[in-house]
Amino acid sequence: QVQLVESGGGLVQPGGSLRLSCAFSGSIFVLFNMGWYRQGPGKQRELVANITRGGYRKYADSVKGRFTISRDNAKNTVYLQMNSLKPEDTAVYYCNAGQAIGIRRDDYWGQGTQVTVSS
């Protein structure tokens, strides 16, 4: 039922910035924790940033100080502002929505958007 649509990926030079957006639909946005994950070439998918229903944020050590996750509950959208981009940030970035109901955990994923950092 939940659908996630990412946008904003593309090619950017090292040191540049990019803003990813994820549009949520199909359920009640404010009941979900939202996150961004990425999977680089030859690597496993990893957490980049997460923001809870209550607005608590968590970042991977590799992006702390450079990336900012935010959510706009009026627009049912989560964002990832990426600054000071490095070639190592090149990956497919995935939007995630998670909900816990009792002991049950539901996770939903977008199709991903490619971010390439190269000169």
Protein backbone atom coordinates (compact mmCIF):
# COMPACT_ATOMS: atom_id res chain seq x y z
CA GLN A 1 0.00 0.00 0.00
CA VAL A 2 2.79 2.44 0.87
CA GLN A 3 4.49 3.91 -2.15
CA LEU A 4 7.75 5.84 -2.14
CA VAL A 5 9.04 7.84 -5.08
CA GLU A 6 12.55 9.27 -4.99
CA SER A 7 13.79 12.18 -7.03
CA GLY A 8 16.77 14.49 -7.20
CA GLY A 9 19.58 12.12 -8.05
CA GLY A 10 22.10 12.82 -10.75
CA LEU A 11 25.69 13.66 -11.54
CA VAL A 12 27.54 16.15 -9.38
CA GLN A 13 31.18 17.19 -9.01
CA PRO A 14 33.18 16.48 -5.85
CA GLY A 15 32.47 19.17 -3.29
CA GLY A 16 29.08 19.85 -4.77
CA SER A 17 25.61 19.47 -3.32
CA LEU A 18 22.49 17.55 -4.13
CA ARG A 19 19.06 17.32 -2.54
CA LEU A 20 17.07 14.11 -2.69
CA SER A 21 13.33 13.98 -2.15
CA CYS A 22 11.07 11.07 -1.31
CA ALA A 23 7.32 11.38 -1.74
CA PHE A 24 5.23 9.13 0.51
CA SER A 25 1.70 7.98 -0.25
CA GLY A 26 -0.74 5.22 0.61
CA SER A 27 -0.75 5.47 4.40
CA ILE A 28 -0.39 7.89 7.29
CA PHE A 29 2.98 9.54 6.92
CA VAL A 30 3.34 10.76 10.50
CA LEU A 31 3.16 7.19 11.82
CA PHE A 32 6.35 6.18 10.01
CA ASN A 33 10.02 6.52 10.68
CA MET A 34 11.77 7.57 7.49
CA GLY A 35 15.26 6.91 6.29
CA TRP A 36 17.74 6.99 3.48
CA TYR A 37 19.95 4.05 2.59
CA ARG A 38 22.51 3.62 -0.13
CA GLN A 39 24.28 0.84 -1.95
CA GLY A 40 27.56 1.57 -3.70
CA PRO A 41 29.32 -0.62 -6.26
CA GLY A 42 30.34 -3.91 -4.66
CA LYS A 43 28.99 -2.90 -1.27
CA GLN A 44 26.04 -3.85 0.92
CA ARG A 45 23.17 -1.50 1.48
CA GLU A 46 23.89 0.78 4.41
CA LEU A 47 21.99 3.29 6.48
CA VAL A 48 22.78 6.88 5.56
CA ALA A 49 20.32 8.78 7.74
CA ASN A 50 17.12 8.19 9.65
CA ILE A 51 14.48 10.44 11.15
CA THR A 52 11.86 9.13 13.54
CA ARG A 53 8.24 10.10 14.01
CA GLY A 54 9.42 12.29 16.86
CA GLY A 55 12.08 14.01 14.79
CA TYR A 56 15.16 12.28 16.19
CA ARG A 57 17.93 11.99 13.63
CA LYS A 58 20.69 9.47 13.15
CA TYR A 59 23.52 9.53 10.63
CA ALA A 60 26.20 7.20 9.43
CA ASP A 61 29.61 8.34 10.62
CA SER A 62 30.72 8.76 7.02
CA VAL A 63 28.15 11.49 6.35
CA LYS A 64 27.93 13.31 9.69
CA GLY A 65 28.38 17.02 9.22
CA ARG A 66 27.76 16.80 5.49
CA PHE A 67 24.24 15.36 5.10
CA THR A 68 20.98 16.48 6.68
CA ILE A 69 17.75 14.52 6.78
CA SER A 70 14.45 16.31 7.27
CA ARG A 71 10.75 15.67 6.86
CA ASP A 72 7.83 17.85 5.92
CA ASN A 73 4.68 16.29 7.33
CA ALA A 74 2.46 18.73 5.45
CA LYS A 75 3.89 17.46 2.16
CA ASN A 76 4.39 13.80 3.13
CA THR A 77 7.97 14.15 1.99
CA VAL A 78 11.39 13.34 3.39
CA TYR A 79 14.55 15.02 2.14
CA LEU A 80 18.25 14.35 2.18
CA GLN A 81 20.43 17.40 1.72
CA MET A 82 23.90 16.28 0.69
CA ASN A 83 26.78 18.74 0.83
CA SER A 84 30.52 18.41 0.30
CA LEU A 85 29.96 15.33 -1.78
CA LYS A 86 32.77 12.86 -2.29
CA PRO A 87 33.30 10.18 -4.93
CA GLU A 88 32.76 7.63 -2.16
CA ASP A 89 29.16 8.87 -1.90
CA THR A 90 28.43 7.43 -5.34
CA ALA A 91 25.62 4.93 -4.89
CA VAL A 92 22.00 4.15 -5.49
CA TYR A 93 20.07 5.91 -2.76
CA TYR A 94 16.88 4.33 -1.44
CA CYS A 95 14.08 5.86 0.57
CA ASN A 96 12.72 3.75 3.42
CA ALA A 97 9.55 3.94 5.49
CA GLY A 98 9.25 1.87 8.65
CA GLN A 99 6.42 1.27 11.07
CA ALA A 100 6.29 -0.79 14.25
CA ILE A 101 2.94 -2.09 15.48
CA GLY A 102 3.44 -4.13 18.60
CA ILE A 103 6.07 -6.73 17.70
CA ARG A 104 5.44 -6.34 13.99
CA ARG A 105 7.72 -4.23 11.83
CA ASP A 106 6.78 -3.18 8.31
CA ASP A 107 9.31 -1.72 5.90
CA TYR A 108 8.76 -0.16 2.51
CA TRP A 109 11.28 0.86 -0.11
CA GLY A 110 11.47 3.13 -3.08
CA GLN A 111 13.03 2.09 -6.36
CA GLY A 112 16.17 4.10 -5.75
CA THR A 113 17.85 7.04 -7.41
CA GLN A 114 21.41 7.12 -8.71
CA VAL A 115 23.86 9.61 -7.27
CA THR A 116 27.19 9.87 -9.04
CA VAL A 117 29.97 12.10 -7.71
CA SER A 118 32.65 12.56 -10.33
CA SER A 119 34.63 15.24 -12.08
